[in-house]
Amino acid sequence: KIANCDPYHLIFSIWATTQHYADFDIQVRAVLGK
């Protein structure tokens, strides 16, 4: 039903890519601009 992958690292990567927008919010907004 889905491609083969390491399920643990899939979960870790989702944590990293989503929580980045809170933990590095200042950086995100600075780079994206007004």
Full PDB file with SEQRES, HELIX, SHEET, SSBOND, CRYST1, ORIGX, SCALE, CONECT and MASTER records, all heavy atoms in Angstrom:
SEQRES   1 A   34  LYS ILE ALA ASN CYS ASP PRO TYR HIS LEU ILE PHE SER          
SEQRES   2 A   34  ILE TRP ALA THR THR GLN HIS TYR ALA ASP PHE ASP ILE          
SEQRES   3 A   34  GLN VAL ARG ALA VAL LEU GLY LYS                              
HELIX    1 AA1 PRO A    7  ASP A   23  1                                  17    
HELIX    2 AA2 ASP A   25  LEU A   32  1                                   8    
CRYST1    1.000    1.000    1.000  90.00  90.00  90.00 P 1           1          
ORIGX1      1.000000  0.000000  0.000000        0.00000                         
ORIGX2      0.000000  1.000000  0.000000        0.00000                         
ORIGX3      0.000000  0.000000  1.000000        0.00000                         
SCALE1      1.000000  0.000000  0.000000        0.00000                         
SCALE2      0.000000  1.000000  0.000000        0.00000                         
SCALE3      0.000000  0.000000  1.000000        0.00000                         
ATOM      1  N   LYS A   1       0.812  -1.220   0.000  1.00  0.00           N  
ATOM      2  CA  LYS A   1       0.000   0.000   0.000  1.00  0.00           C  
ATOM      3  C   LYS A   1       0.842   1.266   0.000  1.00  0.00           C  
ATOM      4  O   LYS A   1       0.377   2.332  -0.422  1.00  0.00           O  
ATOM      5  CB  LYS A   1      -0.950  -0.007   1.198  1.00  0.00           C  
ATOM      6  CG  LYS A   1      -2.022  -1.098   1.120  1.00  0.00           C  
ATOM      7  CD  LYS A   1      -2.986  -0.997   2.293  1.00  0.00           C  
ATOM      8  CE  LYS A   1      -4.122  -2.001   2.163  1.00  0.00           C  
ATOM      9  NZ  LYS A   1      -5.098  -1.891   3.282  1.00  0.00           N  
ATOM     10  N   ILE A   2       2.067   1.180   0.506  1.00  0.00           N  
ATOM     11  CA  ILE A   2       3.009   2.298   0.439  1.00  0.00           C  
ATOM     12  C   ILE A   2       4.377   1.743   0.085  1.00  0.00           C  
ATOM     13  O   ILE A   2       4.636   0.542   0.235  1.00  0.00           O  
ATOM     14  CB  ILE A   2       3.092   3.100   1.767  1.00  0.00           C  
ATOM     15  CG1 ILE A   2       3.596   2.225   2.911  1.00  0.00           C  
ATOM     16  CG2 ILE A   2       1.763   3.735   2.110  1.00  0.00           C  
ATOM     17  CD1 ILE A   2       3.878   3.010   4.191  1.00  0.00           C  
ATOM     18  N   ALA A   3       5.255   2.622  -0.372  1.00  0.00           N  
ATOM     19  CA  ALA A   3       6.601   2.205  -0.742  1.00  0.00           C  
ATOM     20  C   ALA A   3       7.377   1.770   0.498  1.00  0.00           C  
ATOM     21  O   ALA A   3       7.097   2.218   1.621  1.00  0.00           O  
ATOM     22  CB  ALA A   3       7.327   3.356  -1.437  1.00  0.00           C  
ATOM     23  N   ASN A   4       8.338   0.899   0.304  1.00  0.00           N  
ATOM     24  CA  ASN A   4       9.169   0.436   1.409  1.00  0.00           C  
ATOM     25  C   ASN A   4      10.035   1.574   1.951  1.00  0.00           C  
ATOM     26  O   ASN A   4      10.596   2.363   1.185  1.00  0.00           O  
ATOM     27  CB  ASN A   4      10.069  -0.716   0.957  1.00  0.00           C  
ATOM     28  CG  ASN A   4       9.298  -1.999   0.743  1.00  0.00           C  
ATOM     29  OD1 ASN A   4       8.276  -2.244   1.393  1.00  0.00           O  
ATOM     30  ND2 ASN A   4       9.756  -2.829  -0.177  1.00  0.00           N  
ATOM     31  N   CYS A   5      10.100   1.647   3.255  1.00  0.00           N  
ATOM     32  CA  CYS A   5      10.938   2.646   3.915  1.00  0.00           C  
ATOM     33  C   CYS A   5      11.159   2.192   5.350  1.00  0.00           C  
ATOM     34  O   CYS A   5      10.577   1.202   5.800  1.00  0.00           O  
ATOM     35  CB  CYS A   5      10.278   4.026   3.891  1.00  0.00           C  
ATOM     36  SG  CYS A   5       8.756   4.137   4.876  1.00  0.00           S  
ATOM     37  N   ASP A   6      12.016   2.903   6.063  1.00  0.00           N  
ATOM     38  CA  ASP A   6      12.214   2.638   7.483  1.00  0.00           C  
ATOM     39  C   ASP A   6      11.133   3.401   8.252  1.00  0.00           C  
ATOM     40  O   ASP A   6      11.130   4.640   8.243  1.00  0.00           O  
ATOM     41  CB  ASP A   6      13.607   3.101   7.923  1.00  0.00           C  
ATOM     42  CG  ASP A   6      13.925   2.741   9.365  1.00  0.00           C  
ATOM     43  OD1 ASP A   6      13.057   2.967  10.235  1.00  0.00           O  
ATOM     44  OD2 ASP A   6      15.031   2.244   9.621  1.00  0.00           O  
ATOM     45  N   PRO A   7      10.201   2.710   8.893  1.00  0.00           N  
ATOM     46  CA  PRO A   7       9.081   3.420   9.524  1.00  0.00           C  
ATOM     47  C   PRO A   7       9.509   4.365  10.640  1.00  0.00           C  
ATOM     48  O   PRO A   7       8.866   5.407  10.848  1.00  0.00           O  
ATOM     49  CB  PRO A   7       8.200   2.287  10.062  1.00  0.00           C  
ATOM     50  CG  PRO A   7       9.100   1.118  10.192  1.00  0.00           C  
ATOM     51  CD  PRO A   7      10.096   1.248   9.083  1.00  0.00           C  
ATOM     52  N   TYR A   8      10.555   4.017  11.358  1.00  0.00           N  
ATOM     53  CA  TYR A   8      11.017   4.890  12.442  1.00  0.00           C  
ATOM     54  C   TYR A   8      11.557   6.206  11.881  1.00  0.00           C  
ATOM     55  O   TYR A   8      11.227   7.296  12.381  1.00  0.00           O  
ATOM     56  CB  TYR A   8      12.081   4.187  13.285  1.00  0.00           C  
ATOM     57  CG  TYR A   8      11.524   3.046  14.096  1.00  0.00           C  
ATOM     58  CD1 TYR A   8      11.544   1.746  13.605  1.00  0.00           C  
ATOM     59  CD2 TYR A   8      10.952   3.273  15.348  1.00  0.00           C  
ATOM     60  CE1 TYR A   8      11.018   0.692  14.340  1.00  0.00           C  
ATOM     61  CE2 TYR A   8      10.423   2.226  16.094  1.00  0.00           C  
ATOM     62  CZ  TYR A   8      10.454   0.939  15.590  1.00  0.00           C  
ATOM     63  OH  TYR A   8       9.923  -0.099  16.320  1.00  0.00           O  
ATOM     64  N   HIS A   9      12.375   6.109  10.842  1.00  0.00           N  
ATOM     65  CA  HIS A   9      12.929   7.331  10.264  1.00  0.00           C  
ATOM     66  C   HIS A   9      11.873   8.124   9.513  1.00  0.00           C  
ATOM     67  O   HIS A   9      11.985   9.358   9.390  1.00  0.00           O  
ATOM     68  CB  HIS A   9      14.128   6.997   9.382  1.00  0.00           C  
ATOM     69  CG  HIS A   9      15.315   6.546  10.181  1.00  0.00           C  
ATOM     70  ND1 HIS A   9      16.073   7.430  10.918  1.00  0.00           N  
ATOM     71  CD2 HIS A   9      15.837   5.315  10.389  1.00  0.00           C  
ATOM     72  CE1 HIS A   9      17.041   6.764  11.533  1.00  0.00           C  
ATOM     73  NE2 HIS A   9      16.911   5.475  11.236  1.00  0.00           N  
ATOM     74  N   LEU A  10      10.845   7.469   9.043  1.00  0.00           N  
ATOM     75  CA  LEU A  10       9.705   8.194   8.471  1.00  0.00           C  
ATOM     76  C   LEU A  10       9.054   9.056   9.543  1.00  0.00           C  
ATOM     77  O   LEU A  10       8.796  10.251   9.334  1.00  0.00           O  
ATOM     78  CB  LEU A  10       8.687   7.215   7.889  1.00  0.00           C  
ATOM     79  CG  LEU A  10       7.347   7.827   7.438  1.00  0.00           C  
ATOM     80  CD1 LEU A  10       7.557   8.855   6.342  1.00  0.00           C  
ATOM     81  CD2 LEU A  10       6.382   6.725   6.997  1.00  0.00           C  
ATOM     82  N   ILE A  11       8.802   8.477  10.698  1.00  0.00           N  
ATOM     83  CA  ILE A  11       8.193   9.229  11.807  1.00  0.00           C  
ATOM     84  C   ILE A  11       9.115  10.349  12.258  1.00  0.00           C  
ATOM     85  O   ILE A  11       8.682  11.492  12.472  1.00  0.00           O  
ATOM     86  CB  ILE A  11       7.845   8.282  12.973  1.00  0.00           C  
ATOM     87  CG1 ILE A  11       6.718   7.327  12.554  1.00  0.00           C  
ATOM     88  CG2 ILE A  11       7.429   9.077  14.208  1.00  0.00           C  
ATOM     89  CD1 ILE A  11       6.441   6.214  13.552  1.00  0.00           C  
ATOM     90  N   PHE A  12      10.416  10.044  12.411  1.00  0.00           N  
ATOM     91  CA  PHE A  12      11.370  11.081  12.814  1.00  0.00           C  
ATOM     92  C   PHE A  12      11.371  12.241  11.825  1.00  0.00           C  
ATOM     93  O   PHE A  12      11.423  13.408  12.222  1.00  0.00           O  
ATOM     94  CB  PHE A  12      12.793  10.508  12.891  1.00  0.00           C  
ATOM     95  CG  PHE A  12      13.008   9.471  13.962  1.00  0.00           C  
ATOM     96  CD1 PHE A  12      14.060   8.573  13.858  1.00  0.00           C  
ATOM     97  CD2 PHE A  12      12.175   9.382  15.061  1.00  0.00           C  
ATOM     98  CE1 PHE A  12      14.272   7.605  14.834  1.00  0.00           C  
ATOM     99  CE2 PHE A  12      12.366   8.415  16.043  1.00  0.00           C  
ATOM    100  CZ  PHE A  12      13.424   7.520  15.926  1.00  0.00           C  
ATOM    101  N   SER A  13      11.338  11.928  10.536  1.00  0.00           N  
ATOM    102  CA  SER A  13      11.401  12.983   9.520  1.00  0.00           C  
ATOM    103  C   SER A  13      10.149  13.851   9.550  1.00  0.00           C  
ATOM    104  O   SER A  13      10.227  15.071   9.326  1.00  0.00           O  
ATOM    105  CB  SER A  13      11.611  12.383   8.127  1.00  0.00           C  
ATOM    106  OG  SER A  13      10.455  11.697   7.678  1.00  0.00           O  
ATOM    107  N   ILE A  14       8.991  13.248   9.849  1.00  0.00           N  
ATOM    108  CA  ILE A  14       7.762  14.034   9.975  1.00  0.00           C  
ATOM    109  C   ILE A  14       7.859  14.964  11.171  1.00  0.00           C  
ATOM    110  O   ILE A  14       7.475  16.138  11.106  1.00  0.00           O  
ATOM    111  CB  ILE A  14       6.528  13.119  10.066  1.00  0.00           C  
ATOM    112  CG1 ILE A  14       6.310  12.398   8.719  1.00  0.00           C  
ATOM    113  CG2 ILE A  14       5.279  13.921  10.450  1.00  0.00           C  
ATOM    114  CD1 ILE A  14       5.225  11.341   8.757  1.00  0.00           C  
ATOM    115  N   TRP A  15       8.379  14.449  12.278  1.00  0.00           N  
ATOM    116  CA  TRP A  15       8.603  15.315  13.440  1.00  0.00           C  
ATOM    117  C   TRP A  15       9.492  16.492  13.070  1.00  0.00           C  
ATOM    118  O   TRP A  15       9.201  17.641  13.395  1.00  0.00           O  
ATOM    119  CB  TRP A  15       9.249  14.541  14.580  1.00  0.00           C  
ATOM    120  CG  TRP A  15       8.383  13.501  15.207  1.00  0.00           C  
ATOM    121  CD1 TRP A  15       7.042  13.306  15.020  1.00  0.00           C  
ATOM    122  CD2 TRP A  15       8.802  12.497  16.136  1.00  0.00           C  
ATOM    123  NE1 TRP A  15       6.614  12.238  15.766  1.00  0.00           N  
ATOM    124  CE2 TRP A  15       7.658  11.723  16.468  1.00  0.00           C  
ATOM    125  CE3 TRP A  15      10.010  12.162  16.713  1.00  0.00           C  
ATOM    126  CZ2 TRP A  15       7.711  10.644  17.354  1.00  0.00           C  
ATOM    127  CZ3 TRP A  15      10.074  11.090  17.602  1.00  0.00           C  
ATOM    128  CH2 TRP A  15       8.930  10.347  17.914  1.00  0.00           C  
ATOM    129  N   ALA A  16      10.599  16.203  12.388  1.00  0.00           N  
ATOM    130  CA  ALA A  16      11.578  17.248  12.069  1.00  0.00           C  
ATOM    131  C   ALA A  16      11.002  18.297  11.132  1.00  0.00           C  
ATOM    132  O   ALA A  16      11.170  19.510  11.357  1.00  0.00           O  
ATOM    133  CB  ALA A  16      12.823  16.620  11.454  1.00  0.00           C  
ATOM    134  N   THR A  17      10.314  17.853  10.079  1.00  0.00           N  
ATOM    135  CA  THR A  17       9.832  18.799   9.075  1.00  0.00           C  
ATOM    136  C   THR A  17       8.639  19.615   9.542  1.00  0.00           C  
ATOM    137  O   THR A  17       8.429  20.740   9.080  1.00  0.00           O  
ATOM    138  CB  THR A  17       9.464  18.081   7.758  1.00  0.00           C  
ATOM    139  OG1 THR A  17       8.560  17.004   8.034  1.00  0.00           O  
ATOM    140  CG2 THR A  17      10.701  17.538   7.072  1.00  0.00           C  
ATOM    141  N   THR A  18       7.850  19.090  10.457  1.00  0.00           N  
ATOM    142  CA  THR A  18       6.684  19.846  10.934  1.00  0.00           C  
ATOM    143  C   THR A  18       7.034  20.738  12.125  1.00  0.00           C  
ATOM    144  O   THR A  18       6.643  21.910  12.161  1.00  0.00           O  
ATOM    145  CB  THR A  18       5.535  18.899  11.318  1.00  0.00           C  
ATOM    146  OG1 THR A  18       5.998  17.937  12.284  1.00  0.00           O  
ATOM    147  CG2 THR A  18       5.004  18.170  10.096  1.00  0.00           C  
ATOM    148  N   GLN A  19       7.777  20.220  13.082  1.00  0.00           N  
ATOM    149  CA  GLN A  19       8.114  21.005  14.275  1.00  0.00           C  
ATOM    150  C   GLN A  19       9.107  22.121  13.969  1.00  0.00           C  
ATOM    151  O   GLN A  19       9.226  23.077  14.738  1.00  0.00           O  
ATOM    152  CB  GLN A  19       8.631  20.086  15.379  1.00  0.00           C  
ATOM    153  CG  GLN A  19       7.524  19.213  15.956  1.00  0.00           C  
ATOM    154  CD  GLN A  19       8.015  18.134  16.903  1.00  0.00           C  
ATOM    155  OE1 GLN A  19       7.448  17.052  16.953  1.00  0.00           O  
ATOM    156  NE2 GLN A  19       9.063  18.404  17.655  1.00  0.00           N  
ATOM    157  N   HIS A  20       9.786  22.024  12.846  1.00  0.00           N  
ATOM    158  CA  HIS A  20      10.689  23.097  12.412  1.00  0.00           C  
ATOM    159  C   HIS A  20       9.967  24.429  12.357  1.00  0.00           C  
ATOM    160  O   HIS A  20      10.548  25.479  12.695  1.00  0.00           O  
ATOM    161  CB  HIS A  20      11.256  22.752  11.029  1.00  0.00           C  
ATOM    162  CG  HIS A  20      12.117  23.823  10.434  1.00  0.00           C  
ATOM    163  ND1 HIS A  20      13.473  23.900  10.665  1.00  0.00           N  
ATOM    164  CD2 HIS A  20      11.816  24.880   9.626  1.00  0.00           C  
ATOM    165  CE1 HIS A  20      13.979  24.945  10.028  1.00  0.00           C  
ATOM    166  NE2 HIS A  20      12.991  25.554   9.383  1.00  0.00           N  
ATOM    167  N   TYR A  21       8.703  24.418  11.957  1.00  0.00           N  
ATOM    168  CA  TYR A  21       7.955  25.660  11.774  1.00  0.00           C  
ATOM    169  C   TYR A  21       7.584  26.324  13.094  1.00  0.00           C  
ATOM    170  O   TYR A  21       7.193  27.491  13.103  1.00  0.00           O  
ATOM    171  CB  TYR A  21       6.714  25.396  10.916  1.00  0.00           C  
ATOM    172  CG  TYR A  21       7.092  25.067   9.495  1.00  0.00           C  
ATOM    173  CD1 TYR A  21       7.288  23.746   9.097  1.00  0.00           C  
ATOM    174  CD2 TYR A  21       7.305  26.077   8.568  1.00  0.00           C  
ATOM    175  CE1 TYR A  21       7.669  23.438   7.797  1.00  0.00           C  
ATOM    176  CE2 TYR A  21       7.684  25.782   7.265  1.00  0.00           C  
ATOM    177  CZ  TYR A  21       7.873  24.460   6.894  1.00  0.00           C  
ATOM    178  OH  TYR A  21       8.270  24.157   5.609  1.00  0.00           O  
ATOM    179  N   ALA A  22       7.728  25.607  14.195  1.00  0.00           N  
ATOM    180  CA  ALA A  22       7.559  26.213  15.518  1.00  0.00           C  
ATOM    181  C   ALA A  22       8.913  26.542  16.126  1.00  0.00           C  
ATOM    182  O   ALA A  22       9.151  27.661  16.585  1.00  0.00           O  
ATOM    183  CB  ALA A  22       6.784  25.274  16.441  1.00  0.00           C  
ATOM    184  N   ASP A  23       9.828  25.572  16.110  1.00  0.00           N  
ATOM    185  CA  ASP A  23      11.102  25.736  16.798  1.00  0.00           C  
ATOM    186  C   ASP A  23      12.000  26.779  16.130  1.00  0.00           C  
ATOM    187  O   ASP A  23      12.804  27.430  16.793  1.00  0.00           O  
ATOM    188  CB  ASP A  23      11.845  24.398  16.857  1.00  0.00           C  
ATOM    189  CG  ASP A  23      11.037  23.333  17.585  1.00  0.00           C  
ATOM    190  OD1 ASP A  23      10.100  23.703  18.329  1.00  0.00           O  
ATOM    191  OD2 ASP A  23      11.324  22.138  17.407  1.00  0.00           O  
ATOM    192  N   PHE A  24      11.876  26.933  14.797  1.00  0.00           N  
ATOM    193  CA  PHE A  24      12.685  27.895  14.059  1.00  0.00           C  
ATOM    194  C   PHE A  24      11.797  28.932  13.368  1.00  0.00           C  
ATOM    195  O   PHE A  24      12.094  29.377  12.254  1.00  0.00           O  
ATOM    196  CB  PHE A  24      13.561  27.159  13.041  1.00  0.00           C  
ATOM    197  CG  PHE A  24      14.621  26.303  13.673  1.00  0.00           C  
ATOM    198  CD1 PHE A  24      14.346  24.992  14.017  1.00  0.00           C  
ATOM    199  CD2 PHE A  24      15.878  26.808  13.949  1.00  0.00           C  
ATOM    200  CE1 PHE A  24      15.310  24.195  14.618  1.00  0.00           C  
ATOM    201  CE2 PHE A  24      16.856  26.023  14.540  1.00  0.00           C  
ATOM    202  CZ  PHE A  24      16.572  24.710  14.877  1.00  0.00           C  
ATOM    203  N   ASP A  25      10.748  29.319  14.058  1.00  0.00           N  
ATOM    204  CA  ASP A  25       9.759  30.224  13.476  1.00  0.00           C  
ATOM    205  C   ASP A  25      10.373  31.549  13.037  1.00  0.00           C  
ATOM    206  O   ASP A  25      10.059  32.062  11.954  1.00  0.00           O  
ATOM    207  CB  ASP A  25       8.635  30.485  14.487  1.00  0.00           C  
ATOM    208  CG  ASP A  25       7.596  31.452  13.956  1.00  0.00           C  
ATOM    209  OD1 ASP A  25       6.989  31.144  12.919  1.00  0.00           O  
ATOM    210  OD2 ASP A  25       7.388  32.516  14.574  1.00  0.00           O  
ATOM    211  N   ILE A  26      11.256  32.096  13.846  1.00  0.00           N  
ATOM    212  CA  ILE A  26      11.889  33.378  13.503  1.00  0.00           C  
ATOM    213  C   ILE A  26      12.680  33.249  12.209  1.00  0.00           C  
ATOM    214  O   ILE A  26      12.625  34.112  11.323  1.00  0.00           O  
ATOM    215  CB  ILE A  26      12.790  33.862  14.655  1.00  0.00           C  
ATOM    216  CG1 ILE A  26      11.944  34.220  15.882  1.00  0.00           C  
ATOM    217  CG2 ILE A  26      13.616  35.063  14.215  1.00  0.00           C  
ATOM    218  CD1 ILE A  26      12.752  34.610  17.096  1.00  0.00           C  
ATOM    219  N   GLN A  27      13.414  32.151  12.076  1.00  0.00           N  
ATOM    220  CA  GLN A  27      14.196  31.920  10.867  1.00  0.00           C  
ATOM    221  C   GLN A  27      13.286  31.745   9.652  1.00  0.00           C  
ATOM    222  O   GLN A  27      13.545  32.305   8.579  1.00  0.00           O  
ATOM    223  CB  GLN A  27      15.056  30.669  11.044  1.00  0.00           C  
ATOM    224  CG  GLN A  27      15.825  30.248   9.809  1.00  0.00           C  
ATOM    225  CD  GLN A  27      16.679  29.027  10.069  1.00  0.00           C  
ATOM    226  OE1 GLN A  27      17.820  29.132  10.473  1.00  0.00           O  
ATOM    227  NE2 GLN A  27      16.105  27.841   9.845  1.00  0.00           N  
ATOM    228  N   VAL A  28      12.215  30.962   9.812  1.00  0.00           N  
ATOM    229  CA  VAL A  28      11.290  30.724   8.711  1.00  0.00           C  
ATOM    230  C   VAL A  28      10.699  32.031   8.212  1.00  0.00           C  
ATOM    231  O   VAL A  28      10.677  32.309   6.998  1.00  0.00           O  
ATOM    232  CB  VAL A  28      10.171  29.748   9.143  1.00  0.00           C  
ATOM    233  CG1 VAL A  28       9.057  29.711   8.102  1.00  0.00           C  
ATOM    234  CG2 VAL A  28      10.735  28.357   9.372  1.00  0.00           C  
ATOM    235  N   ARG A  29      10.213  32.865   9.145  1.00  0.00           N  
ATOM    236  CA  ARG A  29       9.573  34.116   8.741  1.00  0.00           C  
ATOM    237  C   ARG A  29      10.580  35.096   8.137  1.00  0.00           C  
ATOM    238  O   ARG A  29      10.259  35.846   7.212  1.00  0.00           O  
ATOM    239  CB  ARG A  29       8.853  34.740   9.928  1.00  0.00           C  
ATOM    240  CG  ARG A  29       7.576  34.002  10.300  1.00  0.00           C  
ATOM    241  CD  ARG A  29       6.755  34.708  11.347  1.00  0.00           C  
ATOM    242  NE  ARG A  29       7.336  34.581  12.683  1.00  0.00           N  
ATOM    243  CZ  ARG A  29       7.817  35.590  13.383  1.00  0.00           C  
ATOM    244  NH1 ARG A  29       7.798  36.817  12.881  1.00  0.00           N  
ATOM    245  NH2 ARG A  29       8.314  35.395  14.591  1.00  0.00           N  
ATOM    246  N   ALA A  30      11.809  35.085   8.649  1.00  0.00           N  
ATOM    247  CA  ALA A  30      12.841  35.967   8.100  1.00  0.00           C  
ATOM    248  C   ALA A  30      13.172  35.595   6.659  1.00  0.00           C  
ATOM    249  O   ALA A  30      13.301  36.469   5.787  1.00  0.00           O  
ATOM    250  CB  ALA A  30      14.101  35.902   8.963  1.00  0.00           C  
ATOM    251  N   VAL A  31      13.299  34.303   6.389  1.00  0.00           N  
ATOM    252  CA  VAL A  31      13.659  33.847   5.045  1.00  0.00           C  
ATOM    253  C   VAL A  31      12.498  34.049   4.072  1.00  0.00           C  
ATOM    254  O   VAL A  31      12.693  34.473   2.919  1.00  0.00           O  
ATOM    255  CB  VAL A  31      14.097  32.370   5.076  1.00  0.00           C  
ATOM    256  CG1 VAL A  31      14.269  31.833   3.665  1.00  0.00           C  
ATOM    257  CG2 VAL A  31      15.399  32.211   5.868  1.00  0.00           C  
ATOM    258  N   LEU A  32      11.277  33.775   4.511  1.00  0.00           N  
ATOM    259  CA  LEU A  32      10.125  33.915   3.622  1.00  0.00           C  
ATOM    260  C   LEU A  32       9.771  35.375   3.356  1.00  0.00           C  
ATOM    261  O   LEU A  32       9.194  35.701   2.313  1.00  0.00           O  
ATOM    262  CB  LEU A  32       8.916  33.186   4.214  1.00  0.00           C  
ATOM    263  CG  LEU A  32       8.987  31.663   4.230  1.00  0.00           C  
ATOM    264  CD1 LEU A  32       7.754  31.086   4.924  1.00  0.00           C  
ATOM    265  CD2 LEU A  32       9.119  31.090   2.828  1.00  0.00           C  
ATOM    266  N   GLY A  33      10.103  36.245   4.290  1.00  0.00           N  
ATOM    267  CA  GLY A  33       9.799  37.656   4.118  1.00  0.00           C  
ATOM    268  C   GLY A  33       8.350  37.981   4.436  1.00  0.00           C  
ATOM    269  O   GLY A  33       7.542  37.105   4.760  1.00  0.00           O  
ATOM    270  N   LYS A  34       8.002  39.258   4.336  1.00  0.00           N  
ATOM    271  CA  LYS A  34       6.669  39.716   4.735  1.00  0.00           C  
ATOM    272  C   LYS A  34       5.564  39.104   3.890  1.00  0.00           C  
ATOM    273  O   LYS A  34       4.485  38.783   4.386  1.00  0.00           O  
ATOM    274  CB  LYS A  34       6.602  41.235   4.663  1.00  0.00           C  
ATOM    275  CG  LYS A  34       7.438  41.948   5.731  1.00  0.00           C  
ATOM    276  CD  LYS A  34       7.256  43.461   5.640  1.00  0.00           C  
ATOM    277  CE  LYS A  34       8.068  44.170   6.730  1.00  0.00           C  
ATOM    278  NZ  LYS A  34       7.904  45.640   6.650  1.00  0.00           N  
TER     279      LYS A  34                                                      
MASTER        0    0    0    2    0    0    0    6  278    1    0    3          
END                                                                             
